[in-house]
């Protein structure tokens, strides 16, 4: 798509954009508006704005913090008007070794390669799984829905199946359930139980209702337990089920409502 000519710095077309009603203040920042409209992430909106590709009511804006009202103001990127796109909600079975990011400076595979050629709008992951972890990952362009799921006070259960390099006993499972203090941060597991065991290792089911960075791995490491595999199998009532590794599927309306409440219009 052809980028519109950029006006010279200081020209009238780069002055503050005029809004429809004098004295009205916008409801959100410009970068946030691009995210709310489902066009891109807030960080991408910030970069697009600073690059001079965004116009508001016909005026080039380079300040991503400018307050706008998406329902009222005309926002364009590269000369094309940004309109609210259809909301998309999907689940993906993330394979191990794939990273949860849009682009990687080291050229590693990302989850977006699994969505290529699907004709989907921009989507953002709802939370993350680190490179070594696998399983259920949600993606959407509904930032409000994603925020309700990841909010600290949501306490939405997330269930993991974890293969560990030892055979736990009841005392160890009880100790894991209590949790640890790590560098001033309290790390608790909502529940831990053994699923099955072999000769040298076992599978545990671990449930979290909060999202600390590498929480399960840090708790297990405190007990000198190595993680062989870590698979997220459920978020709230959403279950990974038989979805093949690397595959994805859209969520139904009832599934969307079950974990994130109402859909935004």
C-alpha atoms as a PDB file:
ATOM      1  CA  UNK A   1       0.000   0.000   0.000  1.00  0.00           C
ATOM      2  CA  UNK A   2       1.404   3.406  -0.982  1.00  0.00           C
ATOM      3  CA  UNK A   3       2.403   5.618   1.918  1.00  0.00           C
ATOM      4  CA  UNK A   4       0.983   9.166   1.755  1.00  0.00           C
ATOM      5  CA  UNK A   5       3.452  11.976   1.214  1.00  0.00           C
ATOM      6  CA  UNK A   6       4.753  13.286   4.478  1.00  0.00           C
ATOM      7  CA  UNK A   7       4.436  17.027   4.959  1.00  0.00           C
ATOM      8  CA  UNK A   8       7.511  19.021   5.886  1.00  0.00           C
ATOM      9  CA  UNK A   9       8.062  19.382   9.623  1.00  0.00           C
ATOM     10  CA  UNK A  10       6.276  22.415  10.929  1.00  0.00           C
ATOM     11  CA  UNK A  11       3.792  22.669   8.051  1.00  0.00           C
ATOM     12  CA  UNK A  12       0.127  23.365   8.935  1.00  0.00           C
ATOM     13  CA  UNK A  13      -0.837  19.772   8.174  1.00  0.00           C
ATOM     14  CA  UNK A  14       1.267  18.629  11.159  1.00  0.00           C
ATOM     15  CA  UNK A  15      -0.443  20.932  13.620  1.00  0.00           C
ATOM     16  CA  UNK A  16      -2.674  19.506  16.321  1.00  0.00           C
ATOM     17  CA  UNK A  17      -5.649  17.731  14.734  1.00  0.00           C
ATOM     18  CA  UNK A  18      -9.044  19.361  15.007  1.00  0.00           C
ATOM     19  CA  UNK A  19     -11.770  17.341  16.726  1.00  0.00           C
ATOM     20  CA  UNK A  20     -15.440  17.510  15.933  1.00  0.00           C
ATOM     21  CA  UNK A  21     -16.533  19.381  19.059  1.00  0.00           C
ATOM     22  CA  UNK A  22     -14.562  22.247  20.518  1.00  0.00           C
ATOM     23  CA  UNK A  23     -13.126  21.496  23.941  1.00  0.00           C
ATOM     24  CA  UNK A  24     -13.795  17.764  23.778  1.00  0.00           C
ATOM     25  CA  UNK A  25     -10.938  15.601  24.980  1.00  0.00           C
ATOM     26  CA  UNK A  26     -10.300  12.199  23.451  1.00  0.00           C
ATOM     27  CA  UNK A  27     -11.039   9.062  25.410  1.00  0.00           C
ATOM     28  CA  UNK A  28      -7.810   7.103  24.727  1.00  0.00           C
ATOM     29  CA  UNK A  29      -4.293   7.635  23.414  1.00  0.00           C
ATOM     30  CA  UNK A  30      -3.762   7.295  19.668  1.00  0.00           C
ATOM     31  CA  UNK A  31      -1.626   4.154  20.101  1.00  0.00           C
ATOM     32  CA  UNK A  32      -4.310   2.646  22.329  1.00  0.00           C
ATOM     33  CA  UNK A  33      -7.023   3.572  19.806  1.00  0.00           C
ATOM     34  CA  UNK A  34      -5.224   1.632  17.062  1.00  0.00           C
ATOM     35  CA  UNK A  35      -5.135  -1.362  19.403  1.00  0.00           C
ATOM     36  CA  UNK A  36      -8.788  -1.026  20.438  1.00  0.00           C
ATOM     37  CA  UNK A  37      -9.812  -0.885  16.782  1.00  0.00           C
ATOM     38  CA  UNK A  38      -8.012  -4.192  16.265  1.00  0.00           C
ATOM     39  CA  UNK A  39      -5.532  -2.729  13.772  1.00  0.00           C
ATOM     40  CA  UNK A  40      -2.281  -3.483  15.620  1.00  0.00           C
ATOM     41  CA  UNK A  41      -0.775  -3.736  19.079  1.00  0.00           C
ATOM     42  CA  UNK A  42      -0.273  -0.648  21.217  1.00  0.00           C
ATOM     43  CA  UNK A  43       3.508  -0.912  20.764  1.00  0.00           C
ATOM     44  CA  UNK A  44       3.098  -1.157  16.990  1.00  0.00           C
ATOM     45  CA  UNK A  45       0.741   1.814  17.075  1.00  0.00           C
ATOM     46  CA  UNK A  46       3.382   3.780  18.936  1.00  0.00           C
ATOM     47  CA  UNK A  47       5.980   2.974  16.268  1.00  0.00           C
ATOM     48  CA  UNK A  48       3.633   3.722  13.356  1.00  0.00           C
ATOM     49  CA  UNK A  49       2.730   7.086  14.858  1.00  0.00           C
ATOM     50  CA  UNK A  50       6.313   8.144  15.536  1.00  0.00           C
ATOM     51  CA  UNK A  51       7.176   7.166  11.955  1.00  0.00           C
ATOM     52  CA  UNK A  52       4.664   9.701  10.636  1.00  0.00           C
ATOM     53  CA  UNK A  53       2.330   7.198   8.976  1.00  0.00           C
ATOM     54  CA  UNK A  54      -0.763   8.088  11.045  1.00  0.00           C
ATOM     55  CA  UNK A  55      -3.193  10.927  10.424  1.00  0.00           C
ATOM     56  CA  UNK A  56      -6.026  12.060  12.676  1.00  0.00           C
ATOM     57  CA  UNK A  57      -8.752  14.075  10.978  1.00  0.00           C
ATOM     58  CA  UNK A  58      -6.430  14.688   8.038  1.00  0.00           C
ATOM     59  CA  UNK A  59      -3.445  15.801  10.104  1.00  0.00           C
ATOM     60  CA  UNK A  60      -0.209  13.831  10.493  1.00  0.00           C
ATOM     61  CA  UNK A  61       0.326  13.018  14.171  1.00  0.00           C
ATOM     62  CA  UNK A  62       3.673  11.885  15.563  1.00  0.00           C
ATOM     63  CA  UNK A  63       2.672  11.811  19.229  1.00  0.00           C
ATOM     64  CA  UNK A  64       1.203   8.380  20.146  1.00  0.00           C
ATOM     65  CA  UNK A  65      -0.081   9.785  23.460  1.00  0.00           C
ATOM     66  CA  UNK A  66      -2.449  12.230  21.732  1.00  0.00           C
ATOM     67  CA  UNK A  67      -5.950  11.666  23.086  1.00  0.00           C
ATOM     68  CA  UNK A  68      -8.523  10.693  20.460  1.00  0.00           C
ATOM     69  CA  UNK A  69     -11.996   9.183  20.352  1.00  0.00           C
ATOM     70  CA  UNK A  70     -12.056   6.216  17.945  1.00  0.00           C
ATOM     71  CA  UNK A  71     -15.826   6.458  17.440  1.00  0.00           C
ATOM     72  CA  UNK A  72     -15.584  10.093  16.353  1.00  0.00           C
ATOM     73  CA  UNK A  73     -12.155  10.863  14.942  1.00  0.00           C
ATOM     74  CA  UNK A  74     -11.003   9.777  11.481  1.00  0.00           C
ATOM     75  CA  UNK A  75      -7.786   7.794  11.920  1.00  0.00           C
ATOM     76  CA  UNK A  76      -5.724   6.772   8.888  1.00  0.00           C
ATOM     77  CA  UNK A  77      -2.573   4.702   8.502  1.00  0.00           C
ATOM     78  CA  UNK A  78      -0.659   5.004   5.229  1.00  0.00           C
ATOM     79  CA  UNK A  79      -3.626   6.840   3.754  1.00  0.00           C
ATOM     80  CA  UNK A  80      -6.191   4.135   4.517  1.00  0.00           C
ATOM     81  CA  UNK A  81      -8.872   4.743   7.121  1.00  0.00           C
ATOM     82  CA  UNK A  82      -8.745   2.475  10.149  1.00  0.00           C
ATOM     83  CA  UNK A  83     -12.145   1.004  10.975  1.00  0.00           C
ATOM     84  CA  UNK A  84     -13.046  -1.410  13.730  1.00  0.00           C
ATOM     85  CA  UNK A  85     -12.380  -4.902  12.435  1.00  0.00           C
ATOM     86  CA  UNK A  86     -14.298  -8.041  13.269  1.00  0.00           C
ATOM     87  CA  UNK A  87     -13.288  -9.484  16.612  1.00  0.00           C
ATOM     88  CA  UNK A  88     -11.363 -12.740  16.347  1.00  0.00           C
ATOM     89  CA  UNK A  89     -10.745 -15.209  19.174  1.00  0.00           C
ATOM     90  CA  UNK A  90      -8.791 -18.407  18.725  1.00  0.00           C
ATOM     91  CA  UNK A  91      -6.818 -21.069  20.542  1.00  0.00           C
ATOM     92  CA  UNK A  92      -3.485 -22.416  19.339  1.00  0.00           C
ATOM     93  CA  UNK A  93      -1.532 -25.498  20.399  1.00  0.00           C
ATOM     94  CA  UNK A  94       1.907 -23.922  20.686  1.00  0.00           C
ATOM     95  CA  UNK A  95       4.770 -26.341  19.999  1.00  0.00           C
ATOM     96  CA  UNK A  96       7.905 -26.389  22.083  1.00  0.00           C
ATOM     97  CA  UNK A  97      10.722 -24.241  20.673  1.00  0.00           C
ATOM     98  CA  UNK A  98       8.414 -21.619  19.148  1.00  0.00           C
ATOM     99  CA  UNK A  99       8.422 -18.165  20.725  1.00  0.00           C
ATOM    100  CA  UNK A 100       5.401 -16.024  21.532  1.00  0.00           C
ATOM    101  CA  UNK A 101       6.257 -12.816  19.718  1.00  0.00           C
ATOM    102  CA  UNK A 102       5.515 -11.154  16.392  1.00  0.00           C
ATOM    103  CA  UNK A 103       9.149 -10.949  15.283  1.00  0.00           C
ATOM    104  CA  UNK A 104      12.456 -12.176  16.594  1.00  0.00           C
ATOM    105  CA  UNK A 105      15.825 -10.530  16.041  1.00  0.00           C
ATOM    106  CA  UNK A 106      17.500 -13.937  16.133  1.00  0.00           C
ATOM    107  CA  UNK A 107      15.265 -15.315  13.393  1.00  0.00           C
ATOM    108  CA  UNK A 108      13.661 -17.991  15.569  1.00  0.00           C
ATOM    109  CA  UNK A 109      10.263 -19.462  14.709  1.00  0.00           C
ATOM    110  CA  UNK A 110       7.308 -17.576  16.189  1.00  0.00           C
ATOM    111  CA  UNK A 111       3.660 -18.499  16.741  1.00  0.00           C
ATOM    112  CA  UNK A 112       2.710 -16.142  13.917  1.00  0.00           C
ATOM    113  CA  UNK A 113       4.331 -18.464  11.388  1.00  0.00           C
ATOM    114  CA  UNK A 114       1.633 -20.976  12.361  1.00  0.00           C
ATOM    115  CA  UNK A 115      -1.070 -18.449  11.378  1.00  0.00           C
ATOM    116  CA  UNK A 116       0.482 -17.422   8.055  1.00  0.00           C
ATOM    117  CA  UNK A 117      -1.792 -17.427   4.991  1.00  0.00           C
ATOM    118  CA  UNK A 118      -4.876 -17.825   7.190  1.00  0.00           C
ATOM    119  CA  UNK A 119      -6.271 -14.405   6.212  1.00  0.00           C
ATOM    120  CA  UNK A 120      -6.555 -13.315   9.836  1.00  0.00           C
ATOM    121  CA  UNK A 121      -6.375  -9.714  11.069  1.00  0.00           C
ATOM    122  CA  UNK A 122      -3.675  -8.653  13.508  1.00  0.00           C
ATOM    123  CA  UNK A 123      -3.887 -10.744  16.692  1.00  0.00           C
ATOM    124  CA  UNK A 124      -2.075 -10.549  20.011  1.00  0.00           C
ATOM    125  CA  UNK A 125      -1.357 -13.387  22.434  1.00  0.00           C
ATOM    126  CA  UNK A 126      -3.334 -13.399  25.684  1.00  0.00           C
ATOM    127  CA  UNK A 127      -0.468 -13.892  28.094  1.00  0.00           C
ATOM    128  CA  UNK A 128       2.536 -15.921  27.022  1.00  0.00           C
ATOM    129  CA  UNK A 129       4.211 -19.293  27.000  1.00  0.00           C
ATOM    130  CA  UNK A 130       8.006 -19.270  27.053  1.00  0.00           C
ATOM    131  CA  UNK A 131      10.055 -20.941  24.324  1.00  0.00           C
ATOM    132  CA  UNK A 132      10.444 -24.248  26.176  1.00  0.00           C
ATOM    133  CA  UNK A 133       6.747 -24.476  27.142  1.00  0.00           C
ATOM    134  CA  UNK A 134       3.929 -25.727  24.959  1.00  0.00           C
ATOM    135  CA  UNK A 135       0.180 -26.072  24.794  1.00  0.00           C
ATOM    136  CA  UNK A 136      -2.826 -23.796  24.959  1.00  0.00           C
ATOM    137  CA  UNK A 137      -2.290 -20.204  23.842  1.00  0.00           C
ATOM    138  CA  UNK A 138      -5.129 -17.756  23.210  1.00  0.00           C
ATOM    139  CA  UNK A 139      -4.893 -14.993  20.600  1.00  0.00           C
ATOM    140  CA  UNK A 140      -7.296 -12.140  19.865  1.00  0.00           C
ATOM    141  CA  UNK A 141      -7.627  -8.595  18.560  1.00  0.00           C
ATOM    142  CA  UNK A 142     -10.047  -7.753  21.396  1.00  0.00           C
ATOM    143  CA  UNK A 143      -7.714  -6.047  23.862  1.00  0.00           C
ATOM    144  CA  UNK A 144     -10.442  -5.531  26.467  1.00  0.00           C
ATOM    145  CA  UNK A 145     -11.268  -9.262  26.486  1.00  0.00           C
ATOM    146  CA  UNK A 146      -7.596 -10.126  26.812  1.00  0.00           C
ATOM    147  CA  UNK A 147      -7.193  -7.671  29.689  1.00  0.00           C
ATOM    148  CA  UNK A 148     -10.075  -9.262  31.602  1.00  0.00           C
ATOM    149  CA  UNK A 149      -8.427 -12.681  31.305  1.00  0.00           C
ATOM    150  CA  UNK A 150      -4.961 -11.541  32.359  1.00  0.00           C
ATOM    151  CA  UNK A 151      -6.041  -9.109  35.098  1.00  0.00           C
ATOM    152  CA  UNK A 152      -4.444 -10.089  38.456  1.00  0.00           C
ATOM    153  CA  UNK A 153      -7.817 -10.035  40.207  1.00  0.00           C
ATOM    154  CA  UNK A 154      -9.404 -12.393  37.638  1.00  0.00           C
ATOM    155  CA  UNK A 155      -7.831 -15.457  39.345  1.00  0.00           C
ATOM    156  CA  UNK A 156      -8.656 -17.572  36.303  1.00  0.00           C
ATOM    157  CA  UNK A 157      -7.373 -21.121  36.714  1.00  0.00           C
ATOM    158  CA  UNK A 158      -4.665 -22.230  34.299  1.00  0.00           C
ATOM    159  CA  UNK A 159      -3.901 -25.951  34.274  1.00  0.00           C
ATOM    160  CA  UNK A 160      -0.546 -27.445  33.301  1.00  0.00           C
ATOM    161  CA  UNK A 161       0.760 -30.969  32.872  1.00  0.00           C
ATOM    162  CA  UNK A 162       4.412 -31.021  33.877  1.00  0.00           C
ATOM    163  CA  UNK A 163       6.862 -33.878  33.444  1.00  0.00           C
ATOM    164  CA  UNK A 164       9.525 -33.755  36.156  1.00  0.00           C
ATOM    165  CA  UNK A 165      12.814 -35.609  36.523  1.00  0.00           C
ATOM    166  CA  UNK A 166      12.065 -37.334  39.819  1.00  0.00           C
ATOM    167  CA  UNK A 167       9.426 -39.367  41.601  1.00  0.00           C
ATOM    168  CA  UNK A 168       7.643 -37.164  44.150  1.00  0.00           C
ATOM    169  CA  UNK A 169       6.231 -38.379  47.448  1.00  0.00           C
ATOM    170  CA  UNK A 170       3.340 -36.948  49.438  1.00  0.00           C
ATOM    171  CA  UNK A 171       5.621 -34.700  51.505  1.00  0.00           C
ATOM    172  CA  UNK A 172       7.114 -33.125  48.404  1.00  0.00           C
ATOM    173  CA  UNK A 173       3.694 -32.523  46.849  1.00  0.00           C
ATOM    174  CA  UNK A 174       2.528 -30.849  50.058  1.00  0.00           C
ATOM    175  CA  UNK A 175       5.639 -28.647  50.099  1.00  0.00           C
ATOM    176  CA  UNK A 176       5.082 -27.636  46.480  1.00  0.00           C
ATOM    177  CA  UNK A 177       1.493 -26.666  47.287  1.00  0.00           C
ATOM    178  CA  UNK A 178       2.704 -24.309  50.025  1.00  0.00           C
ATOM    179  CA  UNK A 179       4.910 -22.442  47.540  1.00  0.00           C
ATOM    180  CA  UNK A 180       8.068 -20.405  48.067  1.00  0.00           C
ATOM    181  CA  UNK A 181       9.408 -16.906  48.573  1.00  0.00           C
ATOM    182  CA  UNK A 182      11.783 -16.033  45.746  1.00  0.00           C
ATOM    183  CA  UNK A 183      13.664 -12.735  45.905  1.00  0.00           C
ATOM    184  CA  UNK A 184      10.854 -11.113  47.832  1.00  0.00           C
ATOM    185  CA  UNK A 185       8.113 -12.500  45.588  1.00  0.00           C
ATOM    186  CA  UNK A 186       5.598 -15.022  46.884  1.00  0.00           C
ATOM    187  CA  UNK A 187       5.110 -17.875  44.411  1.00  0.00           C
ATOM    188  CA  UNK A 188       2.182 -20.154  45.202  1.00  0.00           C
ATOM    189  CA  UNK A 189       0.640 -23.059  43.312  1.00  0.00           C
ATOM    190  CA  UNK A 190      -3.117 -23.369  43.697  1.00  0.00           C
ATOM    191  CA  UNK A 191      -2.937 -27.162  43.550  1.00  0.00           C
ATOM    192  CA  UNK A 192      -0.504 -29.961  42.709  1.00  0.00           C
ATOM    193  CA  UNK A 193      -1.232 -33.641  42.170  1.00  0.00           C
ATOM    194  CA  UNK A 194       0.502 -36.567  40.556  1.00  0.00           C
ATOM    195  CA  UNK A 195      -1.023 -37.815  37.332  1.00  0.00           C
ATOM    196  CA  UNK A 196       1.195 -40.813  36.595  1.00  0.00           C
ATOM    197  CA  UNK A 197       4.759 -42.026  37.019  1.00  0.00           C
ATOM    198  CA  UNK A 198       7.354 -44.131  35.270  1.00  0.00           C
ATOM    199  CA  UNK A 199      10.581 -45.618  36.530  1.00  0.00           C
ATOM    200  CA  UNK A 200      12.494 -42.339  36.790  1.00  0.00           C
ATOM    201  CA  UNK A 201      10.085 -39.448  36.234  1.00  0.00           C
ATOM    202  CA  UNK A 202       6.505 -38.417  36.816  1.00  0.00           C
ATOM    203  CA  UNK A 203       3.786 -36.187  35.389  1.00  0.00           C
ATOM    204  CA  UNK A 204       2.197 -33.612  37.688  1.00  0.00           C
ATOM    205  CA  UNK A 205      -0.961 -31.567  37.220  1.00  0.00           C
ATOM    206  CA  UNK A 206      -0.348 -28.033  38.475  1.00  0.00           C
ATOM    207  CA  UNK A 207      -3.028 -25.344  38.646  1.00  0.00           C
ATOM    208  CA  UNK A 208      -2.236 -21.621  38.902  1.00  0.00           C
ATOM    209  CA  UNK A 209      -4.668 -18.780  39.478  1.00  0.00           C
ATOM    210  CA  UNK A 210      -2.070 -16.038  39.018  1.00  0.00           C
ATOM    211  CA  UNK A 211       0.533 -15.320  36.365  1.00  0.00           C
ATOM    212  CA  UNK A 212       4.059 -14.786  37.650  1.00  0.00           C
ATOM    213  CA  UNK A 213       7.025 -14.965  35.297  1.00  0.00           C
ATOM    214  CA  UNK A 214       8.164 -18.626  34.903  1.00  0.00           C
ATOM    215  CA  UNK A 215       6.263 -19.378  38.094  1.00  0.00           C
ATOM    216  CA  UNK A 216       6.109 -23.178  37.851  1.00  0.00           C
ATOM    217  CA  UNK A 217       9.744 -23.552  36.810  1.00  0.00           C
ATOM    218  CA  UNK A 218      10.923 -21.316  39.654  1.00  0.00           C
ATOM    219  CA  UNK A 219       8.950 -23.201  42.302  1.00  0.00           C
ATOM    220  CA  UNK A 220      10.159 -26.574  41.063  1.00  0.00           C
ATOM    221  CA  UNK A 221      13.763 -25.353  40.809  1.00  0.00           C
ATOM    222  CA  UNK A 222      13.634 -24.339  44.480  1.00  0.00           C
ATOM    223  CA  UNK A 223      13.149 -28.047  45.287  1.00  0.00           C
ATOM    224  CA  UNK A 224      15.863 -29.128  42.841  1.00  0.00           C
ATOM    225  CA  UNK A 225      13.265 -30.550  40.461  1.00  0.00           C
ATOM    226  CA  UNK A 226      14.026 -30.401  36.755  1.00  0.00           C
ATOM    227  CA  UNK A 227      11.260 -29.810  34.194  1.00  0.00           C
ATOM    228  CA  UNK A 228      11.318 -32.172  31.212  1.00  0.00           C
ATOM    229  CA  UNK A 229       8.106 -30.890  29.606  1.00  0.00           C
ATOM    230  CA  UNK A 230       5.576 -28.219  30.530  1.00  0.00           C
ATOM    231  CA  UNK A 231       2.236 -28.216  28.705  1.00  0.00           C
ATOM    232  CA  UNK A 232      -0.651 -25.829  29.387  1.00  0.00           C
ATOM    233  CA  UNK A 233      -3.813 -27.875  28.884  1.00  0.00           C
ATOM    234  CA  UNK A 234      -6.582 -25.519  30.049  1.00  0.00           C
ATOM    235  CA  UNK A 235      -7.435 -21.882  30.750  1.00  0.00           C
ATOM    236  CA  UNK A 236     -10.587 -21.702  32.824  1.00  0.00           C
ATOM    237  CA  UNK A 237     -13.154 -23.855  31.019  1.00  0.00           C
ATOM    238  CA  UNK A 238     -11.213 -23.824  27.729  1.00  0.00           C
ATOM    239  CA  UNK A 239      -9.474 -27.171  27.250  1.00  0.00           C
ATOM    240  CA  UNK A 240      -6.769 -27.919  24.682  1.00  0.00           C
ATOM    241  CA  UNK A 241      -8.290 -31.342  24.058  1.00  0.00           C
ATOM    242  CA  UNK A 242      -7.270 -33.099  20.850  1.00  0.00           C
ATOM    243  CA  UNK A 243      -6.088 -29.994  18.992  1.00  0.00           C
ATOM    244  CA  UNK A 244      -2.972 -31.048  17.091  1.00  0.00           C
ATOM    245  CA  UNK A 245       0.403 -29.517  17.870  1.00  0.00           C
ATOM    246  CA  UNK A 246       0.855 -26.353  15.807  1.00  0.00           C
ATOM    247  CA  UNK A 247      -2.856 -26.236  14.886  1.00  0.00           C
ATOM    248  CA  UNK A 248      -5.426 -23.586  15.833  1.00  0.00           C
ATOM    249  CA  UNK A 249      -9.186 -23.158  15.856  1.00  0.00           C
ATOM    250  CA  UNK A 250     -11.596 -20.264  16.439  1.00  0.00           C
ATOM    251  CA  UNK A 251     -13.473 -20.023  19.720  1.00  0.00           C
ATOM    252  CA  UNK A 252     -17.242 -20.124  19.789  1.00  0.00           C
ATOM    253  CA  UNK A 253     -19.276 -17.334  21.379  1.00  0.00           C
ATOM    254  CA  UNK A 254     -19.982 -19.380  24.501  1.00  0.00           C
ATOM    255  CA  UNK A 255     -16.278 -20.183  24.886  1.00  0.00           C
ATOM    256  CA  UNK A 256     -15.359 -16.508  24.590  1.00  0.00           C
ATOM    257  CA  UNK A 257     -17.908 -15.581  27.243  1.00  0.00           C
ATOM    258  CA  UNK A 258     -16.842 -18.398  29.558  1.00  0.00           C
ATOM    259  CA  UNK A 259     -13.361 -16.989  30.186  1.00  0.00           C
ATOM    260  CA  UNK A 260     -13.499 -13.286  29.362  1.00  0.00           C
ATOM    261  CA  UNK A 261     -17.076 -12.256  29.900  1.00  0.00           C
ATOM    262  CA  UNK A 262     -18.956 -10.294  27.266  1.00  0.00           C
ATOM    263  CA  UNK A 263     -17.621  -9.578  23.788  1.00  0.00           C
ATOM    264  CA  UNK A 264     -16.891  -5.951  23.068  1.00  0.00           C
ATOM    265  CA  UNK A 265     -18.985  -4.558  20.233  1.00  0.00           C
END
